[in-house]
PDB file of N, CA and C in Angstrom:
ATOM      1  N   MET A   1      20.317  13.033 -12.262  1.00  0.00           N
ATOM      2  CA  MET A   1      19.710  12.638 -11.295  1.00  0.00           C
ATOM      3  C   MET A   1      20.578  13.319 -10.108  1.00  0.00           C
ATOM      4  N   SER A   2      19.845  14.056  -9.093  1.00  0.00           N
ATOM      5  CA  SER A   2      20.485  14.785  -8.126  1.00  0.00           C
ATOM      6  C   SER A   2      20.540  13.563  -6.911  1.00  0.00           C
ATOM      7  N   ILE A   3      21.584  14.132  -5.923  1.00  0.00           N
ATOM      8  CA  ILE A   3      21.869  13.136  -4.960  1.00  0.00           C
ATOM      9  C   ILE A   3      20.482  12.834  -3.933  1.00  0.00           C
ATOM     10  N   PRO A   4      19.836  13.618  -3.666  1.00  0.00           N
ATOM     11  CA  PRO A   4      18.714  13.329  -2.784  1.00  0.00           C
ATOM     12  C   PRO A   4      17.676  12.282  -3.575  1.00  0.00           C
ATOM     13  N   LYS A   5      17.514  12.333  -4.556  1.00  0.00           N
ATOM     14  CA  LYS A   5      16.741  11.430  -5.451  1.00  0.00           C
ATOM     15  C   LYS A   5      17.429  10.058  -5.360  1.00  0.00           C
ATOM     16  N   ILE A   6      18.599  10.073  -5.582  1.00  0.00           N
ATOM     17  CA  ILE A   6      19.429   8.646  -5.841  1.00  0.00           C
ATOM     18  C   ILE A   6      19.185   8.143  -4.103  1.00  0.00           C
ATOM     19  N   LEU A   7      19.612   8.787  -3.178  1.00  0.00           N
ATOM     20  CA  LEU A   7      19.427   8.369  -1.806  1.00  0.00           C
ATOM     21  C   LEU A   7      18.152   7.827  -1.634  1.00  0.00           C
ATOM     22  N   ILE A   8      17.234   8.702  -2.077  1.00  0.00           N
ATOM     23  CA  ILE A   8      15.617   8.084  -1.635  1.00  0.00           C
ATOM     24  C   ILE A   8      15.429   6.976  -2.285  1.00  0.00           C
ATOM     25  N   SER A   9      15.836   6.762  -3.747  1.00  0.00           N
ATOM     26  CA  SER A   9      15.751   5.565  -4.440  1.00  0.00           C
ATOM     27  C   SER A   9      16.492   4.324  -3.852  1.00  0.00           C
ATOM     28  N   LEU A  10      17.803   4.560  -3.601  1.00  0.00           N
ATOM     29  CA  LEU A  10      18.475   3.332  -2.564  1.00  0.00           C
ATOM     30  C   LEU A  10      17.678   3.046  -1.434  1.00  0.00           C
ATOM     31  N   GLY A  11      17.214   4.166  -0.735  1.00  0.00           N
ATOM     32  CA  GLY A  11      16.550   3.834   0.637  1.00  0.00           C
ATOM     33  C   GLY A  11      15.291   2.791   0.257  1.00  0.00           C
ATOM     34  N   ILE A  12      14.444   3.305  -0.720  1.00  0.00           N
ATOM     35  CA  ILE A  12      13.292   2.337  -1.048  1.00  0.00           C
ATOM     36  C   ILE A  12      13.845   1.123  -1.520  1.00  0.00           C
ATOM     37  N   ALA A  13      14.898   0.741  -2.296  1.00  0.00           N
ATOM     38  CA  ALA A  13      15.334  -0.346  -2.701  1.00  0.00           C
ATOM     39  C   ALA A  13      15.911  -1.258  -1.584  1.00  0.00           C
ATOM     40  N   LEU A  14      16.205  -0.606  -0.548  1.00  0.00           N
ATOM     41  CA  LEU A  14      16.780  -1.542   0.483  1.00  0.00           C
ATOM     42  C   LEU A  14      15.323  -1.940   1.334  1.00  0.00           C
ATOM     43  N   VAL A  15      14.514  -1.016   1.464  1.00  0.00           N
ATOM     44  CA  VAL A  15      13.221  -1.548   2.243  1.00  0.00           C
ATOM     45  C   VAL A  15      12.690  -2.756   1.330  1.00  0.00           C
ATOM     46  N   VAL A  16      12.531  -2.819  -0.013  1.00  0.00           N
ATOM     47  CA  VAL A  16      12.143  -3.633  -0.625  1.00  0.00           C
ATOM     48  C   VAL A  16      12.588  -4.951  -0.527  1.00  0.00           C
ATOM     49  N   ILE A  17      14.155  -4.740  -0.679  1.00  0.00           N
ATOM     50  CA  ILE A  17      15.015  -5.986  -0.510  1.00  0.00           C
ATOM     51  C   ILE A  17      14.785  -6.803   0.636  1.00  0.00           C
ATOM     52  N   GLY A  18      14.457  -5.718   1.907  1.00  0.00           N
ATOM     53  CA  GLY A  18      14.522  -6.504   3.181  1.00  0.00           C
ATOM     54  C   GLY A  18      13.056  -7.010   3.518  1.00  0.00           C
ATOM     55  N   ILE A  19      12.102  -6.511   2.807  1.00  0.00           N
ATOM     56  CA  ILE A  19      10.790  -7.247   2.675  1.00  0.00           C
ATOM     57  C   ILE A  19      10.762  -8.739   2.132  1.00  0.00           C
ATOM     58  N   LEU A  20      11.336  -8.522   0.915  1.00  0.00           N
ATOM     59  CA  LEU A  20      11.452  -9.822   0.065  1.00  0.00           C
ATOM     60  C   LEU A  20      12.410 -10.812   0.829  1.00  0.00           C
ATOM     61  N   TRP A  21      13.571 -10.288   1.225  1.00  0.00           N
ATOM     62  CA  TRP A  21      14.243 -11.529   2.053  1.00  0.00           C
ATOM     63  C   TRP A  21      13.376 -12.063   3.111  1.00  0.00           C
ATOM     64  N   SER A  22      12.982 -11.092   3.793  1.00  0.00           N
ATOM     65  CA  SER A  22      12.254 -11.830   5.029  1.00  0.00           C
ATOM     66  C   SER A  22      10.952 -12.724   4.610  1.00  0.00           C
ATOM     67  N   VAL A  23      10.507 -12.415   3.473  1.00  0.00           N
ATOM     68  CA  VAL A  23       9.210 -13.257   2.965  1.00  0.00           C
ATOM     69  C   VAL A  23       9.969 -14.484   2.401  1.00  0.00           C
ATOM     70  N   LEU A  24      10.847 -14.400   1.502  1.00  0.00           N
ATOM     71  CA  LEU A  24      11.617 -15.385   0.775  1.00  0.00           C
ATOM     72  C   LEU A  24      12.242 -16.386   1.696  1.00  0.00           C
ATOM     73  N   SER A  25      12.581 -15.923   2.712  1.00  0.00           N
ATOM     74  CA  SER A  25      13.452 -16.831   3.628  1.00  0.00           C
ATOM     75  C   SER A  25      12.549 -17.911   4.126  1.00  0.00           C
ATOM     76  N   LYS A  26      11.515 -17.927   4.127  1.00  0.00           N
ATOM     77  CA  LYS A  26      10.844 -19.026   4.666  1.00  0.00           C
ATOM     78  C   LYS A  26      10.658 -20.257   3.547  1.00  0.00           C
ATOM     79  N   PHE A  27      10.881 -19.849   2.177  1.00  0.00           N
ATOM     80  CA  PHE A  27      10.998 -20.580   1.172  1.00  0.00           C
ATOM     81  C   PHE A  27      12.351 -21.208   0.794  1.00  0.00           C
ATOM     82  N   ILE A  28      13.191 -20.141   0.700  1.00  0.00           N
ATOM     83  CA  ILE A  28      14.651 -20.292   0.197  1.00  0.00           C
ATOM     84  C   ILE A  28      15.542 -20.141   1.453  1.00  0.00           C
ATOM     85  N   ASN A  29      16.219 -21.239   1.849  1.00  0.00           N
ATOM     86  CA  ASN A  29      17.263 -21.133   2.714  1.00  0.00           C
ATOM     87  C   ASN A  29      18.374 -20.362   2.537  1.00  0.00           C
ATOM     88  N   LEU A  30      18.413 -19.101   1.899  1.00  0.00           N
ATOM     89  CA  LEU A  30      19.720 -18.571   1.460  1.00  0.00           C
ATOM     90  C   LEU A  30      20.485 -18.239   2.744  1.00  0.00           C
ATOM     91  N   GLY A  31      21.549 -18.434   2.673  1.00  0.00           N
ATOM     92  CA  GLY A  31      22.616 -17.970   3.681  1.00  0.00           C
ATOM     93  C   GLY A  31      23.019 -19.257   4.504  1.00  0.00           C
ATOM     94  N   LYS A  32      22.481 -20.304   4.005  1.00  0.00           N
ATOM     95  CA  LYS A  32      22.914 -21.620   4.863  1.00  0.00           C
ATOM     96  C   LYS A  32      22.722 -22.811   3.827  1.00  0.00           C
ATOM     97  N   LEU A  33      23.366 -22.337   2.630  1.00  0.00           N
ATOM     98  CA  LEU A  33      23.568 -23.537   1.370  1.00  0.00           C
ATOM     99  C   LEU A  33      24.910 -24.131   1.544  1.00  0.00           C
ATOM    100  N   PRO A  34      24.620 -25.386   0.891  1.00  0.00           N
ATOM    101  CA  PRO A  34      25.757 -26.358   0.982  1.00  0.00           C
ATOM    102  C   PRO A  34      26.834 -25.751   0.397  1.00  0.00           C
ATOM    103  N   GLY A  35      27.930 -25.642   0.881  1.00  0.00           N
ATOM    104  CA  GLY A  35      29.230 -25.062   0.175  1.00  0.00           C
ATOM    105  C   GLY A  35      29.666 -23.748   0.962  1.00  0.00           C
ATOM    106  N   ASP A  36      28.766 -23.259   1.917  1.00  0.00           N
ATOM    107  CA  ASP A  36      29.091 -22.274   2.754  1.00  0.00           C
ATOM    108  C   ASP A  36      30.059 -22.563   3.804  1.00  0.00           C
ATOM    109  N   ILE A  37      30.882 -21.811   4.182  1.00  0.00           N
ATOM    110  CA  ILE A  37      32.065 -22.254   5.118  1.00  0.00           C
ATOM    111  C   ILE A  37      31.550 -21.926   6.448  1.00  0.00           C
ATOM    112  N   VAL A  38      31.572 -22.836   7.387  1.00  0.00           N
ATOM    113  CA  VAL A  38      31.160 -22.937   8.742  1.00  0.00           C
ATOM    114  C   VAL A  38      31.932 -23.675   9.543  1.00  0.00           C
ATOM    115  N   VAL A  39      32.796 -22.865  10.467  1.00  0.00           N
ATOM    116  CA  VAL A  39      33.773 -23.477  11.531  1.00  0.00           C
ATOM    117  C   VAL A  39      33.280 -23.152  13.024  1.00  0.00           C
ATOM    118  N   GLU A  40      33.028 -24.244  13.529  1.00  0.00           N
ATOM    119  CA  GLU A  40      32.645 -23.872  15.166  1.00  0.00           C
ATOM    120  C   GLU A  40      33.392 -24.574  15.894  1.00  0.00           C
ATOM    121  N   LYS A  41      34.003 -23.861  16.941  1.00  0.00           N
ATOM    122  CA  LYS A  41      34.697 -24.431  18.038  1.00  0.00           C
ATOM    123  C   LYS A  41      33.995 -24.072  19.399  1.00  0.00           C
ATOM    124  N   GLU A  42      34.705 -24.076  20.425  1.00  0.00           N
ATOM    125  CA  GLU A  42      34.146 -23.984  21.872  1.00  0.00           C
ATOM    126  C   GLU A  42      33.349 -22.368  21.769  1.00  0.00           C
ATOM    127  N   ASN A  43      34.330 -21.531  21.893  1.00  0.00           N
ATOM    128  CA  ASN A  43      33.738 -20.202  21.886  1.00  0.00           C
ATOM    129  C   ASN A  43      33.969 -19.228  20.934  1.00  0.00           C
ATOM    130  N   PHE A  44      33.989 -19.899  19.666  1.00  0.00           N
ATOM    131  CA  PHE A  44      34.205 -19.373  18.241  1.00  0.00           C
ATOM    132  C   PHE A  44      33.081 -19.976  17.219  1.00  0.00           C
ATOM    133  N   LYS A  45      32.542 -19.209  16.350  1.00  0.00           N
ATOM    134  CA  LYS A  45      31.962 -19.407  15.328  1.00  0.00           C
ATOM    135  C   LYS A  45      32.300 -18.523  14.234  1.00  0.00           C
ATOM    136  N   PHE A  46      32.834 -19.154  12.845  1.00  0.00           N
ATOM    137  CA  PHE A  46      33.175 -18.474  11.779  1.00  0.00           C
ATOM    138  C   PHE A  46      32.138 -19.036  10.759  1.00  0.00           C
ATOM    139  N   TYR A  47      31.626 -17.894  10.161  1.00  0.00           N
ATOM    140  CA  TYR A  47      30.574 -18.168   8.902  1.00  0.00           C
ATOM    141  C   TYR A  47      31.007 -17.351   7.707  1.00  0.00           C
ATOM    142  N   PHE A  48      31.192 -18.285   6.548  1.00  0.00           N
ATOM    143  CA  PHE A  48      31.512 -17.360   5.435  1.00  0.00           C
ATOM    144  C   PHE A  48      30.699 -17.812   4.057  1.00  0.00           C
ATOM    145  N   PRO A  49      29.376 -17.304   3.707  1.00  0.00           N
ATOM    146  CA  PRO A  49      28.609 -17.670   2.732  1.00  0.00           C
ATOM    147  C   PRO A  49      29.221 -17.758   1.471  1.00  0.00           C
ATOM    148  N   VAL A  50      30.142 -18.514   0.997  1.00  0.00           N
ATOM    149  CA  VAL A  50      30.613 -18.472  -0.146  1.00  0.00           C
ATOM    150  C   VAL A  50      29.621 -18.687  -1.497  1.00  0.00           C
ATOM    151  N   VAL A  51      28.661 -19.631  -1.256  1.00  0.00           N
ATOM    152  CA  VAL A  51      27.663 -20.153  -2.510  1.00  0.00           C
ATOM    153  C   VAL A  51      26.623 -18.778  -2.479  1.00  0.00           C
ATOM    154  N   THR A  52      26.316 -18.627  -1.190  1.00  0.00           N
ATOM    155  CA  THR A  52      25.327 -17.538  -1.258  1.00  0.00           C
ATOM    156  C   THR A  52      25.805 -16.388  -1.914  1.00  0.00           C
ATOM    157  N   CYS A  53      27.187 -16.047  -1.550  1.00  0.00           N
ATOM    158  CA  CYS A  53      27.443 -14.847  -2.467  1.00  0.00           C
ATOM    159  C   CYS A  53      27.675 -15.144  -3.871  1.00  0.00           C
ATOM    160  N   ILE A  54      27.948 -15.981  -4.278  1.00  0.00           N
ATOM    161  CA  ILE A  54      27.950 -16.386  -5.819  1.00  0.00           C
ATOM    162  C   ILE A  54      26.677 -16.152  -6.423  1.00  0.00           C
ATOM    163  N   ILE A  55      25.589 -16.781  -5.790  1.00  0.00           N
ATOM    164  CA  ILE A  55      24.300 -16.630  -6.173  1.00  0.00           C
ATOM    165  C   ILE A  55      23.640 -15.515  -6.218  1.00  0.00           C
ATOM    166  N   ILE A  56      23.897 -14.584  -5.041  1.00  0.00           N
ATOM    167  CA  ILE A  56      23.388 -13.310  -5.204  1.00  0.00           C
ATOM    168  C   ILE A  56      24.417 -12.399  -6.213  1.00  0.00           C
ATOM    169  N   SER A  57      25.585 -12.713  -6.514  1.00  0.00           N
ATOM    170  CA  SER A  57      26.125 -12.125  -7.538  1.00  0.00           C
ATOM    171  C   SER A  57      25.646 -12.329  -9.016  1.00  0.00           C
ATOM    172  N   VAL A  58      25.375 -13.706  -9.016  1.00  0.00           N
ATOM    173  CA  VAL A  58      24.870 -13.950 -10.491  1.00  0.00           C
ATOM    174  C   VAL A  58      23.610 -13.326 -10.534  1.00  0.00           C
ATOM    175  N   ALA A  59      22.558 -13.163  -9.441  1.00  0.00           N
ATOM    176  CA  ALA A  59      21.370 -12.780  -9.753  1.00  0.00           C
ATOM    177  C   ALA A  59      21.268 -11.151 -10.104  1.00  0.00           C
ATOM    178  N   LEU A  60      22.465 -10.473  -9.353  1.00  0.00           N
ATOM    179  CA  LEU A  60      22.301  -8.908  -9.344  1.00  0.00           C
ATOM    180  C   LEU A  60      22.889  -8.550 -10.847  1.00  0.00           C
ATOM    181  N   SER A  61      24.070  -9.425 -11.290  1.00  0.00           N
ATOM    182  CA  SER A  61      24.447  -9.382 -12.748  1.00  0.00           C
ATOM    183  C   SER A  61      23.409  -9.685 -13.839  1.00  0.00           C
ATOM    184  N   LEU A  62      22.448 -10.716 -13.656  1.00  0.00           N
ATOM    185  CA  LEU A  62      21.516 -10.626 -14.566  1.00  0.00           C
ATOM    186  C   LEU A  62      20.398  -9.553 -14.604  1.00  0.00           C
ATOM    187  N   VAL A  63      20.209  -8.853 -13.597  1.00  0.00           N
ATOM    188  CA  VAL A  63      19.264  -8.037 -13.217  1.00  0.00           C
ATOM    189  C   VAL A  63      19.855  -6.745 -13.751  1.00  0.00           C
ATOM    190  N   MET A  64      21.148  -6.550 -13.675  1.00  0.00           N
ATOM    191  CA  MET A  64      21.772  -5.287 -14.273  1.00  0.00           C
ATOM    192  C   MET A  64      21.905  -5.504 -16.030  1.00  0.00           C
ATOM    193  N   TYR A  65      22.014  -6.862 -16.373  1.00  0.00           N
ATOM    194  CA  TYR A  65      21.961  -7.060 -17.929  1.00  0.00           C
ATOM    195  C   TYR A  65      20.838  -6.601 -18.254  1.00  0.00           C
ATOM    196  N   VAL A  66      19.721  -6.914 -17.882  1.00  0.00           N
ATOM    197  CA  VAL A  66      18.411  -6.799 -18.088  1.00  0.00           C
ATOM    198  C   VAL A  66      18.025  -5.438 -18.163  1.00  0.00           C
ATOM    199  N   ILE A  67      18.479  -4.540 -17.160  1.00  0.00           N
ATOM    200  CA  ILE A  67      18.241  -3.130 -17.102  1.00  0.00           C
ATOM    201  C   ILE A  67      19.074  -2.701 -18.258  1.00  0.00           C
ATOM    202  N   ARG A  68      20.172  -2.955 -18.621  1.00  0.00           N
ATOM    203  CA  ARG A  68      20.937  -2.185 -19.534  1.00  0.00           C
ATOM    204  C   ARG A  68      20.361  -2.619 -21.119  1.00  0.00           C
ATOM    205  N   LEU A  69      19.579  -3.520 -21.157  1.00  0.00           N
ATOM    206  CA  LEU A  69      19.245  -4.056 -22.304  1.00  0.00           C
ATOM    207  C   LEU A  69      17.730  -3.015 -22.536  1.00  0.00           C
ATOM    208  N   PHE A  70      17.234  -2.565 -21.595  1.00  0.00           N
ATOM    209  CA  PHE A  70      15.911  -1.675 -21.708  1.00  0.00           C
ATOM    210  C   PHE A  70      16.323  -0.506 -21.846  1.00  0.00           C
ATOM    211  N   ASN A  71      17.464   0.020 -21.420  1.00  0.00           N
ATOM    212  CA  ASN A  71      17.942   1.335 -21.442  1.00  0.00           C
ATOM    213  C   ASN A  71      18.572   1.965 -22.951  1.00  0.00           C
ATOM    214  N   LYS A  72      18.800   0.835 -23.862  1.00  0.00           N
ATOM    215  CA  LYS A  72      19.197   1.141 -24.906  1.00  0.00           C
ATOM    216  C   LYS A  72      18.043   1.710 -25.947  1.00  0.00           C
TER     217      LYS A  72
END
């Protein structure tokens, strides 16, 4: 596969993910789950979405596993 085809595929995938994220954010509060770290001070806010990262990692791992099953 050539580099331009890979870049076009990645661009299309990012657009699809962005559209899905904006549509599904109304139903799933991804990014503000219990377990995400939030520290708020007067002029400072630190946010680290630990649980959100774990859920996204598991979902992507399952997707890659299914893709590998169909490529055999």
